[in-house]
Amino acid sequence: IAGGAGVLAATAWRTVAPVVAARAPARGSRG
């Protein structure tokens, strides 16, 4: 169960992190 939670967390992070990183510069440029 703990390992499954880790795999799910890593998959979610791998999915979301590139989008968050791509949006951060865009927000900075509008400031």
Full PDB file with SEQRES, HELIX, SHEET, SSBOND, CRYST1, ORIGX, SCALE, CONECT and MASTER records, all heavy atoms in Angstrom:
SEQRES   1 A   31  ILE ALA GLY GLY ALA GLY VAL LEU ALA ALA THR ALA TRP          
SEQRES   2 A   31  ARG THR VAL ALA PRO VAL VAL ALA ALA ARG ALA PRO ALA          
SEQRES   3 A   31  ARG GLY SER ARG GLY                                          
HELIX    1 AA1 ALA A    2  ARG A   30  1                                  29    
CRYST1    1.000    1.000    1.000  90.00  90.00  90.00 P 1           1          
ORIGX1      1.000000  0.000000  0.000000        0.00000                         
ORIGX2      0.000000  1.000000  0.000000        0.00000                         
ORIGX3      0.000000  0.000000  1.000000        0.00000                         
SCALE1      1.000000  0.000000  0.000000        0.00000                         
SCALE2      0.000000  1.000000  0.000000        0.00000                         
SCALE3      0.000000  0.000000  1.000000        0.00000                         
ATOM      1  N   ILE A   1       0.843  -1.201   0.000  1.00  0.00           N  
ATOM      2  CA  ILE A   1       0.000   0.000   0.000  1.00  0.00           C  
ATOM      3  C   ILE A   1       0.877   1.250   0.000  1.00  0.00           C  
ATOM      4  O   ILE A   1       0.634   2.207  -0.748  1.00  0.00           O  
ATOM      5  CB  ILE A   1      -0.938  -0.007   1.220  1.00  0.00           C  
ATOM      6  CG1 ILE A   1      -1.945  -1.164   1.100  1.00  0.00           C  
ATOM      7  CG2 ILE A   1      -1.668   1.324   1.351  1.00  0.00           C  
ATOM      8  CD1 ILE A   1      -2.807  -1.348   2.340  1.00  0.00           C  
ATOM      9  N   ALA A   2       1.928   1.229   0.829  1.00  0.00           N  
ATOM     10  CA  ALA A   2       2.842   2.372   0.877  1.00  0.00           C  
ATOM     11  C   ALA A   2       3.562   2.544  -0.465  1.00  0.00           C  
ATOM     12  O   ALA A   2       3.715   3.667  -0.960  1.00  0.00           O  
ATOM     13  CB  ALA A   2       3.852   2.183   2.007  1.00  0.00           C  
ATOM     14  N   GLY A   3       3.992   1.422  -1.049  1.00  0.00           N  
ATOM     15  CA  GLY A   3       4.661   1.503  -2.348  1.00  0.00           C  
ATOM     16  C   GLY A   3       3.736   2.012  -3.434  1.00  0.00           C  
ATOM     17  O   GLY A   3       4.137   2.804  -4.288  1.00  0.00           O  
ATOM     18  N   GLY A   4       2.475   1.559  -3.402  1.00  0.00           N  
ATOM     19  CA  GLY A   4       1.502   2.043  -4.378  1.00  0.00           C  
ATOM     20  C   GLY A   4       1.269   3.532  -4.249  1.00  0.00           C  
ATOM     21  O   GLY A   4       1.147   4.246  -5.256  1.00  0.00           O  
ATOM     22  N   ALA A   5       1.216   4.013  -3.002  1.00  0.00           N  
ATOM     23  CA  ALA A   5       1.054   5.456  -2.784  1.00  0.00           C  
ATOM     24  C   ALA A   5       2.251   6.214  -3.353  1.00  0.00           C  
ATOM     25  O   ALA A   5       2.091   7.304  -3.945  1.00  0.00           O  
ATOM     26  CB  ALA A   5       0.897   5.746  -1.296  1.00  0.00           C  
ATOM     27  N   GLY A   6       3.445   5.645  -3.200  1.00  0.00           N  
ATOM     28  CA  GLY A   6       4.635   6.283  -3.753  1.00  0.00           C  
ATOM     29  C   GLY A   6       4.611   6.353  -5.273  1.00  0.00           C  
ATOM     30  O   GLY A   6       4.958   7.374  -5.869  1.00  0.00           O  
ATOM     31  N   VAL A   7       4.187   5.249  -5.900  1.00  0.00           N  
ATOM     32  CA  VAL A   7       4.093   5.229  -7.364  1.00  0.00           C  
ATOM     33  C   VAL A   7       3.069   6.246  -7.859  1.00  0.00           C  
ATOM     34  O   VAL A   7       3.301   6.980  -8.822  1.00  0.00           O  
ATOM     35  CB  VAL A   7       3.747   3.808  -7.860  1.00  0.00           C  
ATOM     36  CG1 VAL A   7       3.388   3.821  -9.338  1.00  0.00           C  
ATOM     37  CG2 VAL A   7       4.913   2.867  -7.616  1.00  0.00           C  
ATOM     38  N   LEU A   8       1.905   6.312  -7.180  1.00  0.00           N  
ATOM     39  CA  LEU A   8       0.883   7.285  -7.566  1.00  0.00           C  
ATOM     40  C   LEU A   8       1.398   8.706  -7.398  1.00  0.00           C  
ATOM     41  O   LEU A   8       1.174   9.574  -8.256  1.00  0.00           O  
ATOM     42  CB  LEU A   8      -0.379   7.085  -6.716  1.00  0.00           C  
ATOM     43  CG  LEU A   8      -1.271   5.897  -7.065  1.00  0.00           C  
ATOM     44  CD1 LEU A   8      -2.418   5.809  -6.066  1.00  0.00           C  
ATOM     45  CD2 LEU A   8      -1.819   6.033  -8.479  1.00  0.00           C  
ATOM     46  N   ALA A   9       2.093   8.968  -6.284  1.00  0.00           N  
ATOM     47  CA  ALA A   9       2.623  10.312  -6.040  1.00  0.00           C  
ATOM     48  C   ALA A   9       3.645  10.699  -7.100  1.00  0.00           C  
ATOM     49  O   ALA A   9       3.641  11.833  -7.605  1.00  0.00           O  
ATOM     50  CB  ALA A   9       3.249  10.374  -4.645  1.00  0.00           C  
ATOM     51  N   ALA A  10       4.524   9.755  -7.458  1.00  0.00           N  
ATOM     52  CA  ALA A  10       5.531  10.050  -8.463  1.00  0.00           C  
ATOM     53  C   ALA A  10       4.898  10.304  -9.823  1.00  0.00           C  
ATOM     54  O   ALA A  10       5.322  11.194 -10.569  1.00  0.00           O  
ATOM     55  CB  ALA A  10       6.532   8.888  -8.557  1.00  0.00           C  
ATOM     56  N   THR A  11       3.858   9.526 -10.167  1.00  0.00           N  
ATOM     57  CA  THR A  11       3.174   9.718 -11.448  1.00  0.00           C  
ATOM     58  C   THR A  11       2.483  11.076 -11.486  1.00  0.00           C  
ATOM     59  O   THR A  11       2.553  11.797 -12.493  1.00  0.00           O  
ATOM     60  CB  THR A  11       2.148   8.600 -11.675  1.00  0.00           C  
ATOM     61  OG1 THR A  11       2.815   7.337 -11.672  1.00  0.00           O  
ATOM     62  CG2 THR A  11       1.440   8.780 -13.016  1.00  0.00           C  
ATOM     63  N   ALA A  12       1.808  11.429 -10.386  1.00  0.00           N  
ATOM     64  CA  ALA A  12       1.146  12.727 -10.335  1.00  0.00           C  
ATOM     65  C   ALA A  12       2.158  13.859 -10.443  1.00  0.00           C  
ATOM     66  O   ALA A  12       1.952  14.839 -11.171  1.00  0.00           O  
ATOM     67  CB  ALA A  12       0.346  12.854  -9.045  1.00  0.00           C  
ATOM     68  N   TRP A  13       3.280  13.748  -9.720  1.00  0.00           N  
ATOM     69  CA  TRP A  13       4.317  14.774  -9.772  1.00  0.00           C  
ATOM     70  C   TRP A  13       4.916  14.879 -11.170  1.00  0.00           C  
ATOM     71  O   TRP A  13       5.122  15.976 -11.691  1.00  0.00           O  
ATOM     72  CB  TRP A  13       5.407  14.456  -8.753  1.00  0.00           C  
ATOM     73  CG  TRP A  13       6.619  15.350  -8.893  1.00  0.00           C  
ATOM     74  CD1 TRP A  13       7.830  15.040  -9.423  1.00  0.00           C  
ATOM     75  CD2 TRP A  13       6.700  16.734  -8.519  1.00  0.00           C  
ATOM     76  NE1 TRP A  13       8.662  16.120  -9.408  1.00  0.00           N  
ATOM     77  CE2 TRP A  13       8.001  17.180  -8.850  1.00  0.00           C  
ATOM     78  CE3 TRP A  13       5.797  17.624  -7.933  1.00  0.00           C  
ATOM     79  CZ2 TRP A  13       8.417  18.480  -8.612  1.00  0.00           C  
ATOM     80  CZ3 TRP A  13       6.219  18.929  -7.692  1.00  0.00           C  
ATOM     81  CH2 TRP A  13       7.514  19.345  -8.029  1.00  0.00           C  
ATOM     82  N   ARG A  14       5.213  13.732 -11.784  1.00  0.00           N  
ATOM     83  CA  ARG A  14       5.797  13.732 -13.133  1.00  0.00           C  
ATOM     84  C   ARG A  14       4.846  14.375 -14.129  1.00  0.00           C  
ATOM     85  O   ARG A  14       5.269  14.991 -15.111  1.00  0.00           O  
ATOM     86  CB  ARG A  14       6.105  12.290 -13.559  1.00  0.00           C  
ATOM     87  CG  ARG A  14       6.746  12.162 -14.929  1.00  0.00           C  
ATOM     88  CD  ARG A  14       7.059  10.703 -15.247  1.00  0.00           C  
ATOM     89  NE  ARG A  14       7.638  10.576 -16.567  1.00  0.00           N  
ATOM     90  CZ  ARG A  14       6.943  10.424 -17.683  1.00  0.00           C  
ATOM     91  NH1 ARG A  14       5.617  10.397 -17.617  1.00  0.00           N  
ATOM     92  NH2 ARG A  14       7.533  10.315 -18.850  1.00  0.00           N  
ATOM     93  N   THR A  15       3.536  14.233 -13.895  1.00  0.00           N  
ATOM     94  CA  THR A  15       2.545  14.795 -14.804  1.00  0.00           C  
ATOM     95  C   THR A  15       2.384  16.299 -14.619  1.00  0.00           C  
ATOM     96  O   THR A  15       2.318  17.055 -15.583  1.00  0.00           O  
ATOM     97  CB  THR A  15       1.181  14.114 -14.583  1.00  0.00           C  
ATOM     98  OG1 THR A  15       1.326  12.710 -14.812  1.00  0.00           O  
ATOM     99  CG2 THR A  15       0.137  14.661 -15.529  1.00  0.00           C  
ATOM    100  N   VAL A  16       2.353  16.734 -13.363  1.00  0.00           N  
ATOM    101  CA  VAL A  16       2.020  18.128 -13.070  1.00  0.00           C  
ATOM    102  C   VAL A  16       3.238  19.044 -13.100  1.00  0.00           C  
ATOM    103  O   VAL A  16       3.144  20.193 -13.534  1.00  0.00           O  
ATOM    104  CB  VAL A  16       1.328  18.221 -11.688  1.00  0.00           C  
ATOM    105  CG1 VAL A  16       1.128  19.669 -11.270  1.00  0.00           C  
ATOM    106  CG2 VAL A  16      -0.010  17.499 -11.733  1.00  0.00           C  
ATOM    107  N   ALA A  17       4.398  18.547 -12.655  1.00  0.00           N  
ATOM    108  CA  ALA A  17       5.572  19.400 -12.499  1.00  0.00           C  
ATOM    109  C   ALA A  17       5.970  20.146 -13.776  1.00  0.00           C  
ATOM    110  O   ALA A  17       6.253  21.342 -13.722  1.00  0.00           O  
ATOM    111  CB  ALA A  17       6.754  18.568 -11.981  1.00  0.00           C  
ATOM    112  N   PRO A  18       6.017  19.484 -14.964  1.00  0.00           N  
ATOM    113  CA  PRO A  18       6.393  20.232 -16.167  1.00  0.00           C  
ATOM    114  C   PRO A  18       5.423  21.370 -16.485  1.00  0.00           C  
ATOM    115  O   PRO A  18       5.834  22.421 -16.994  1.00  0.00           O  
ATOM    116  CB  PRO A  18       6.359  19.155 -17.277  1.00  0.00           C  
ATOM    117  CG  PRO A  18       6.536  17.865 -16.557  1.00  0.00           C  
ATOM    118  CD  PRO A  18       5.840  18.045 -15.250  1.00  0.00           C  
ATOM    119  N   VAL A  19       4.136  21.175 -16.198  1.00  0.00           N  
ATOM    120  CA  VAL A  19       3.155  22.221 -16.473  1.00  0.00           C  
ATOM    121  C   VAL A  19       3.352  23.400 -15.527  1.00  0.00           C  
ATOM    122  O   VAL A  19       3.325  24.562 -15.931  1.00  0.00           O  
ATOM    123  CB  VAL A  19       1.720  21.665 -16.326  1.00  0.00           C  
ATOM    124  CG1 VAL A  19       0.698  22.760 -16.569  1.00  0.00           C  
ATOM    125  CG2 VAL A  19       1.504  20.523 -17.297  1.00  0.00           C  
ATOM    126  N   VAL A  20       3.597  23.089 -14.253  1.00  0.00           N  
ATOM    127  CA  VAL A  20       3.837  24.152 -13.272  1.00  0.00           C  
ATOM    128  C   VAL A  20       5.089  24.931 -13.638  1.00  0.00           C  
ATOM    129  O   VAL A  20       5.122  26.167 -13.585  1.00  0.00           O  
ATOM    130  CB  VAL A  20       3.964  23.555 -11.864  1.00  0.00           C  
ATOM    131  CG1 VAL A  20       4.363  24.632 -10.857  1.00  0.00           C  
ATOM    132  CG2 VAL A  20       2.665  22.905 -11.440  1.00  0.00           C  
ATOM    133  N   ALA A  21       6.149  24.221 -14.045  1.00  0.00           N  
ATOM    134  CA  ALA A  21       7.405  24.881 -14.412  1.00  0.00           C  
ATOM    135  C   ALA A  21       7.238  25.768 -15.635  1.00  0.00           C  
ATOM    136  O   ALA A  21       7.813  26.847 -15.735  1.00  0.00           O  
ATOM    137  CB  ALA A  21       8.477  23.826 -14.666  1.00  0.00           C  
ATOM    138  N   ALA A  22       6.405  25.310 -16.594  1.00  0.00           N  
ATOM    139  CA  ALA A  22       6.187  26.085 -17.814  1.00  0.00           C  
ATOM    140  C   ALA A  22       5.369  27.337 -17.550  1.00  0.00           C  
ATOM    141  O   ALA A  22       5.553  28.380 -18.194  1.00  0.00           O  
ATOM    142  CB  ALA A  22       5.501  25.226 -18.864  1.00  0.00           C  
ATOM    143  N   ARG A  23       4.468  27.271 -16.576  1.00  0.00           N  
ATOM    144  CA  ARG A  23       3.597  28.412 -16.297  1.00  0.00           C  
ATOM    145  C   ARG A  23       4.286  29.463 -15.430  1.00  0.00           C  
ATOM    146  O   ARG A  23       3.917  30.636 -15.471  1.00  0.00           O  
ATOM    147  CB  ARG A  23       2.315  27.941 -15.602  1.00  0.00           C  
ATOM    148  CG  ARG A  23       1.380  27.191 -16.538  1.00  0.00           C  
ATOM    149  CD  ARG A  23       0.133  26.729 -15.800  1.00  0.00           C  
ATOM    150  NE  ARG A  23      -0.790  26.053 -16.711  1.00  0.00           N  
ATOM    151  CZ  ARG A  23      -1.906  25.460 -16.314  1.00  0.00           C  
ATOM    152  NH1 ARG A  23      -2.235  25.462 -15.019  1.00  0.00           N  
ATOM    153  NH2 ARG A  23      -2.713  24.870 -17.191  1.00  0.00           N  
ATOM    154  N   ALA A  24       5.269  29.062 -14.642  1.00  0.00           N  
ATOM    155  CA  ALA A  24       5.931  29.996 -13.733  1.00  0.00           C  
ATOM    156  C   ALA A  24       6.574  31.176 -14.444  1.00  0.00           C  
ATOM    157  O   ALA A  24       6.357  32.333 -14.063  1.00  0.00           O  
ATOM    158  CB  ALA A  24       6.951  29.246 -12.880  1.00  0.00           C  
ATOM    159  N   PRO A  25       7.352  30.958 -15.536  1.00  0.00           N  
ATOM    160  CA  PRO A  25       7.935  32.109 -16.235  1.00  0.00           C  
ATOM    161  C   PRO A  25       6.866  33.021 -16.831  1.00  0.00           C  
ATOM    162  O   PRO A  25       7.033  34.235 -16.891  1.00  0.00           O  
ATOM    163  CB  PRO A  25       8.797  31.461 -17.337  1.00  0.00           C  
ATOM    164  CG  PRO A  25       9.048  30.083 -16.846  1.00  0.00           C  
ATOM    165  CD  PRO A  25       7.829  29.695 -16.093  1.00  0.00           C  
ATOM    166  N   ALA A  26       5.759  32.415 -17.299  1.00  0.00           N  
ATOM    167  CA  ALA A  26       4.694  33.214 -17.902  1.00  0.00           C  
ATOM    168  C   ALA A  26       4.094  34.166 -16.866  1.00  0.00           C  
ATOM    169  O   ALA A  26       3.820  35.334 -17.142  1.00  0.00           O  
ATOM    170  CB  ALA A  26       3.621  32.315 -18.481  1.00  0.00           C  
ATOM    171  N   ARG A  27       3.903  33.682 -15.638  1.00  0.00           N  
ATOM    172  CA  ARG A  27       3.353  34.543 -14.582  1.00  0.00           C  
ATOM    173  C   ARG A  27       4.345  35.655 -14.253  1.00  0.00           C  
ATOM    174  O   ARG A  27       3.970  36.799 -14.041  1.00  0.00           O  
ATOM    175  CB  ARG A  27       3.070  33.710 -13.322  1.00  0.00           C  
ATOM    176  CG  ARG A  27       1.925  32.737 -13.469  1.00  0.00           C  
ATOM    177  CD  ARG A  27       1.464  32.259 -12.093  1.00  0.00           C  
ATOM    178  NE  ARG A  27       0.525  31.161 -12.219  1.00  0.00           N  
ATOM    179  CZ  ARG A  27       0.847  29.883 -12.079  1.00  0.00           C  
ATOM    180  NH1 ARG A  27       2.092  29.551 -11.836  1.00  0.00           N  
ATOM    181  NH2 ARG A  27      -0.062  28.940 -12.198  1.00  0.00           N  
ATOM    182  N   GLY A  28       5.655  35.302 -14.241  1.00  0.00           N  
ATOM    183  CA  GLY A  28       6.656  36.295 -13.929  1.00  0.00           C  
ATOM    184  C   GLY A  28       6.720  37.413 -14.966  1.00  0.00           C  
ATOM    185  O   GLY A  28       6.890  38.577 -14.645  1.00  0.00           O  
ATOM    186  N   SER A  29       6.528  37.046 -16.239  1.00  0.00           N  
ATOM    187  CA  SER A  29       6.593  38.050 -17.301  1.00  0.00           C  
ATOM    188  C   SER A  29       5.435  39.017 -17.245  1.00  0.00           C  
ATOM    189  O   SER A  29       5.544  40.162 -17.680  1.00  0.00           O  
ATOM    190  CB  SER A  29       6.645  37.349 -18.669  1.00  0.00           C  
ATOM    191  OG  SER A  29       5.421  36.664 -18.901  1.00  0.00           O  
ATOM    192  N   ARG A  30       4.290  38.587 -16.678  1.00  0.00           N  
ATOM    193  CA  ARG A  30       3.133  39.487 -16.593  1.00  0.00           C  
ATOM    194  C   ARG A  30       3.289  40.451 -15.422  1.00  0.00           C  
ATOM    195  O   ARG A  30       2.604  41.455 -15.345  1.00  0.00           O  
ATOM    196  CB  ARG A  30       1.857  38.671 -16.439  1.00  0.00           C  
ATOM    197  CG  ARG A  30       1.415  37.959 -17.692  1.00  0.00           C  
ATOM    198  CD  ARG A  30      -0.042  37.527 -17.576  1.00  0.00           C  
ATOM    199  NE  ARG A  30      -0.218  36.546 -16.500  1.00  0.00           N  
ATOM    200  CZ  ARG A  30      -0.129  35.242 -16.650  1.00  0.00           C  
ATOM    201  NH1 ARG A  30       0.184  34.741 -17.826  1.00  0.00           N  
ATOM    202  NH2 ARG A  30      -0.324  34.425 -15.633  1.00  0.00           N  
ATOM    203  N   GLY A  31       4.190  40.084 -14.452  1.00  0.00           N  
ATOM    204  CA  GLY A  31       4.362  40.956 -13.292  1.00  0.00           C  
ATOM    205  C   GLY A  31       5.156  42.193 -13.641  1.00  0.00           C  
ATOM    206  O   GLY A  31       5.073  43.201 -12.955  1.00  0.00           O  
TER     207      GLY A  31                                                      
MASTER        0    0    0    1    0    0    0    6  206    1    0    3          
END                                                                             
